[in-house]
N, C-alpha and C. Protein backbone atom coordinates (compact mmCIF):
# COMPACT_ATOMS: atom_id res chain seq x y z
N MET A 1 15.93 -18.38 -9.60
CA MET A 1 15.12 -18.14 -8.42
C MET A 1 14.17 -16.96 -8.65
N TRP A 2 14.70 -15.89 -9.24
CA TRP A 2 13.87 -14.72 -9.45
C TRP A 2 12.70 -15.03 -10.37
N LEU A 3 12.96 -15.76 -11.45
CA LEU A 3 11.89 -16.10 -12.40
C LEU A 3 10.83 -16.98 -11.74
N ARG A 4 11.26 -17.89 -10.91
CA ARG A 4 10.33 -18.76 -10.21
C ARG A 4 9.45 -17.95 -9.26
N ALA A 5 10.03 -17.04 -8.54
CA ALA A 5 9.28 -16.18 -7.62
C ALA A 5 8.32 -15.27 -8.40
N TYR A 6 8.78 -14.76 -9.52
CA TYR A 6 7.93 -13.90 -10.34
C TYR A 6 6.73 -14.68 -10.89
N ALA A 7 6.97 -15.91 -11.33
CA ALA A 7 5.89 -16.76 -11.84
C ALA A 7 4.88 -17.06 -10.72
N ARG A 8 5.37 -17.29 -9.52
CA ARG A 8 4.48 -17.54 -8.37
C ARG A 8 3.62 -16.31 -8.10
N LYS A 9 4.23 -15.14 -8.16
CA LYS A 9 3.49 -13.89 -7.95
C LYS A 9 2.40 -13.73 -9.00
N LEU A 10 2.71 -14.03 -10.24
CA LEU A 10 1.71 -13.93 -11.31
C LEU A 10 0.56 -14.91 -11.09
N ARG A 11 0.88 -16.12 -10.64
CA ARG A 11 -0.18 -17.11 -10.37
C ARG A 11 -1.08 -16.63 -9.24
N TRP A 12 -0.52 -16.04 -8.19
CA TRP A 12 -1.31 -15.52 -7.08
C TRP A 12 -2.20 -14.37 -7.53
N ASN A 13 -1.68 -13.50 -8.37
CA ASN A 13 -2.50 -12.41 -8.91
C ASN A 13 -3.66 -12.94 -9.73
N GLU A 14 -3.40 -13.98 -10.51
CA GLU A 14 -4.46 -14.60 -11.30
C GLU A 14 -5.52 -15.23 -10.39
N GLU A 15 -5.08 -15.92 -9.34
CA GLU A 15 -6.02 -16.52 -8.39
C GLU A 15 -6.87 -15.46 -7.71
N LEU A 16 -6.29 -14.33 -7.40
CA LEU A 16 -7.02 -13.23 -6.78
C LEU A 16 -8.14 -12.75 -7.69
N ILE A 17 -7.85 -12.59 -8.96
CA ILE A 17 -8.86 -12.17 -9.93
C ILE A 17 -9.97 -13.22 -10.01
N ILE A 18 -9.61 -14.48 -10.04
CA ILE A 18 -10.59 -15.56 -10.13
C ILE A 18 -11.49 -15.57 -8.90
N VAL A 19 -10.93 -15.38 -7.71
CA VAL A 19 -11.73 -15.39 -6.48
C VAL A 19 -12.73 -14.24 -6.48
N ILE A 20 -12.30 -13.07 -6.90
CA ILE A 20 -13.21 -11.92 -6.95
C ILE A 20 -14.35 -12.18 -7.92
N VAL A 21 -14.05 -12.75 -9.08
CA VAL A 21 -15.08 -13.06 -10.07
C VAL A 21 -16.04 -14.11 -9.51
N GLU A 22 -15.52 -15.11 -8.81
CA GLU A 22 -16.38 -16.13 -8.22
C GLU A 22 -17.29 -15.54 -7.14
N MET A 23 -16.79 -14.59 -6.36
CA MET A 23 -17.62 -13.93 -5.36
C MET A 23 -18.80 -13.22 -6.03
N GLU A 24 -18.51 -12.50 -7.09
CA GLU A 24 -19.57 -11.80 -7.82
C GLU A 24 -20.55 -12.78 -8.45
N SER A 25 -20.04 -13.90 -8.94
CA SER A 25 -20.89 -14.91 -9.55
C SER A 25 -21.86 -15.53 -8.55
N VAL A 26 -21.38 -15.78 -7.34
CA VAL A 26 -22.24 -16.35 -6.29
C VAL A 26 -23.39 -15.40 -5.98
N ILE A 27 -23.10 -14.13 -5.86
CA ILE A 27 -24.14 -13.13 -5.56
C ILE A 27 -25.15 -13.07 -6.71
N ARG A 28 -24.66 -13.07 -7.94
CA ARG A 28 -25.58 -13.04 -9.09
C ARG A 28 -26.45 -14.29 -9.14
N PHE A 29 -25.88 -15.46 -8.81
CA PHE A 29 -26.65 -16.70 -8.81
C PHE A 29 -27.75 -16.66 -7.77
N PHE A 30 -27.42 -16.21 -6.55
CA PHE A 30 -28.45 -16.13 -5.50
C PHE A 30 -29.55 -15.16 -5.91
N ASN A 31 -29.18 -14.06 -6.53
CA ASN A 31 -30.17 -13.09 -6.99
C ASN A 31 -31.04 -13.69 -8.09
N HIS A 32 -30.44 -14.43 -8.99
CA HIS A 32 -31.18 -15.09 -10.07
C HIS A 32 -32.21 -16.06 -9.51
N ARG A 33 -31.80 -16.87 -8.53
CA ARG A 33 -32.72 -17.84 -7.93
C ARG A 33 -33.88 -17.13 -7.22
N ALA A 34 -33.59 -16.03 -6.53
CA ALA A 34 -34.65 -15.26 -5.87
C ALA A 34 -35.64 -14.73 -6.89
N ASN A 35 -35.14 -14.22 -8.01
CA ASN A 35 -36.02 -13.71 -9.06
C ASN A 35 -36.87 -14.81 -9.67
N LYS A 36 -36.30 -15.99 -9.85
CA LYS A 36 -37.07 -17.12 -10.40
C LYS A 36 -38.22 -17.49 -9.46
N TRP A 37 -37.93 -17.56 -8.16
CA TRP A 37 -38.98 -17.90 -7.20
C TRP A 37 -40.01 -16.78 -7.08
N ARG A 38 -39.59 -15.54 -7.24
CA ARG A 38 -40.53 -14.42 -7.22
C ARG A 38 -41.50 -14.55 -8.40
N GLU A 39 -40.96 -14.93 -9.55
CA GLU A 39 -41.79 -15.15 -10.74
C GLU A 39 -42.77 -16.30 -10.51
N ARG A 40 -42.29 -17.37 -9.90
CA ARG A 40 -43.16 -18.52 -9.61
C ARG A 40 -44.25 -18.14 -8.62
N ALA A 41 -43.93 -17.28 -7.66
CA ALA A 41 -44.93 -16.84 -6.68
C ALA A 41 -46.04 -16.07 -7.39
N GLY A 42 -45.67 -15.28 -8.38
CA GLY A 42 -46.67 -14.53 -9.14
C GLY A 42 -47.56 -15.39 -9.98
N ASN A 43 -47.07 -16.56 -10.39
CA ASN A 43 -47.84 -17.46 -11.25
C ASN A 43 -48.41 -18.65 -10.49
N ALA A 44 -48.35 -18.62 -9.17
CA ALA A 44 -48.79 -19.77 -8.37
C ALA A 44 -50.30 -19.98 -8.47
N ALA A 45 -50.69 -21.25 -8.43
CA ALA A 45 -52.10 -21.61 -8.57
C ALA A 45 -52.85 -21.52 -7.24
N THR A 46 -52.17 -21.77 -6.14
CA THR A 46 -52.84 -21.78 -4.84
C THR A 46 -52.09 -20.88 -3.86
N ALA A 47 -52.76 -20.60 -2.76
CA ALA A 47 -52.13 -19.78 -1.71
C ALA A 47 -50.94 -20.51 -1.10
N GLY A 48 -51.02 -21.83 -0.99
CA GLY A 48 -49.92 -22.62 -0.46
C GLY A 48 -48.69 -22.54 -1.34
N HIS A 49 -48.90 -22.61 -2.66
CA HIS A 49 -47.78 -22.50 -3.58
C HIS A 49 -47.15 -21.11 -3.50
N THR A 50 -47.99 -20.09 -3.37
CA THR A 50 -47.49 -18.73 -3.24
C THR A 50 -46.65 -18.58 -1.97
N ALA A 51 -47.15 -19.12 -0.87
CA ALA A 51 -46.43 -19.02 0.40
C ALA A 51 -45.09 -19.72 0.31
N TYR A 52 -45.07 -20.91 -0.29
CA TYR A 52 -43.81 -21.65 -0.43
C TYR A 52 -42.83 -20.87 -1.29
N ALA A 53 -43.32 -20.31 -2.40
CA ALA A 53 -42.45 -19.54 -3.30
C ALA A 53 -41.90 -18.31 -2.59
N GLN A 54 -42.73 -17.63 -1.79
CA GLN A 54 -42.26 -16.47 -1.06
C GLN A 54 -41.19 -16.85 -0.03
N LYS A 55 -41.37 -18.02 0.57
CA LYS A 55 -40.37 -18.52 1.52
C LYS A 55 -39.03 -18.75 0.80
N GLN A 56 -39.10 -19.31 -0.40
CA GLN A 56 -37.89 -19.54 -1.19
C GLN A 56 -37.24 -18.21 -1.58
N VAL A 57 -38.06 -17.22 -1.96
CA VAL A 57 -37.52 -15.89 -2.29
C VAL A 57 -36.75 -15.33 -1.10
N HIS A 58 -37.36 -15.42 0.07
CA HIS A 58 -36.71 -14.91 1.28
C HIS A 58 -35.39 -15.65 1.55
N MET A 59 -35.38 -16.97 1.38
CA MET A 59 -34.18 -17.75 1.62
C MET A 59 -33.05 -17.32 0.68
N TRP A 60 -33.34 -17.21 -0.62
CA TRP A 60 -32.30 -16.86 -1.59
C TRP A 60 -31.83 -15.42 -1.39
N GLU A 61 -32.74 -14.52 -1.02
CA GLU A 61 -32.33 -13.15 -0.73
C GLU A 61 -31.46 -13.09 0.52
N SER A 62 -31.78 -13.90 1.52
CA SER A 62 -30.96 -13.95 2.73
C SER A 62 -29.56 -14.46 2.42
N LEU A 63 -29.48 -15.50 1.60
CA LEU A 63 -28.18 -16.02 1.19
C LEU A 63 -27.38 -14.96 0.43
N ARG A 64 -28.06 -14.25 -0.47
CA ARG A 64 -27.40 -13.20 -1.24
C ARG A 64 -26.86 -12.11 -0.32
N ASP A 65 -27.70 -11.66 0.60
CA ASP A 65 -27.28 -10.59 1.51
C ASP A 65 -26.14 -11.03 2.41
N HIS A 66 -26.20 -12.26 2.89
CA HIS A 66 -25.12 -12.78 3.74
C HIS A 66 -23.82 -12.88 2.94
N ALA A 67 -23.92 -13.36 1.71
CA ALA A 67 -22.72 -13.46 0.86
C ALA A 67 -22.13 -12.09 0.59
N LYS A 68 -22.98 -11.10 0.28
CA LYS A 68 -22.49 -9.74 0.03
C LYS A 68 -21.72 -9.21 1.23
N LEU A 69 -22.31 -9.38 2.41
CA LEU A 69 -21.68 -8.88 3.64
C LEU A 69 -20.37 -9.60 3.91
N THR A 70 -20.37 -10.92 3.80
CA THR A 70 -19.16 -11.70 4.06
C THR A 70 -18.06 -11.37 3.06
N PHE A 71 -18.41 -11.28 1.79
CA PHE A 71 -17.41 -10.98 0.77
C PHE A 71 -16.88 -9.56 0.94
N ALA A 72 -17.73 -8.61 1.33
CA ALA A 72 -17.26 -7.25 1.55
C ALA A 72 -16.27 -7.20 2.71
N LYS A 73 -16.56 -7.95 3.78
CA LYS A 73 -15.64 -8.00 4.90
C LYS A 73 -14.30 -8.60 4.47
N ALA A 74 -14.34 -9.67 3.69
CA ALA A 74 -13.11 -10.32 3.23
C ALA A 74 -12.32 -9.38 2.33
N GLN A 75 -13.02 -8.68 1.44
CA GLN A 75 -12.33 -7.76 0.54
C GLN A 75 -11.69 -6.62 1.30
N ASN A 76 -12.37 -6.12 2.33
CA ASN A 76 -11.78 -5.04 3.14
C ASN A 76 -10.60 -5.54 3.96
N MET A 77 -10.73 -6.76 4.48
CA MET A 77 -9.67 -7.31 5.31
C MET A 77 -8.38 -7.53 4.51
N TYR A 78 -8.55 -8.00 3.27
CA TYR A 78 -7.38 -8.33 2.45
C TYR A 78 -7.11 -7.29 1.37
N HIS A 79 -7.82 -6.18 1.43
CA HIS A 79 -7.60 -5.06 0.49
C HIS A 79 -7.71 -5.51 -0.95
N LEU A 80 -8.81 -6.22 -1.26
CA LEU A 80 -9.01 -6.71 -2.63
C LEU A 80 -9.66 -5.67 -3.50
């Protein structure tokens, strides 16, 4: 019984590490997409393309900021 409980504890610790890494990965991905669209806005051929690219930059930055806030709340709540 003790070994089984210990193995379960180790699996939960591993899952915790994986979740934290995934949270960081999501934020980096959103930031990467915002940077790509920012680059496209700089190279846009028309004002319409620039406006669309800026809209995409804003969307990805909003997603990034929302994820940061949500993940910070979760980490504080569960003491991660």
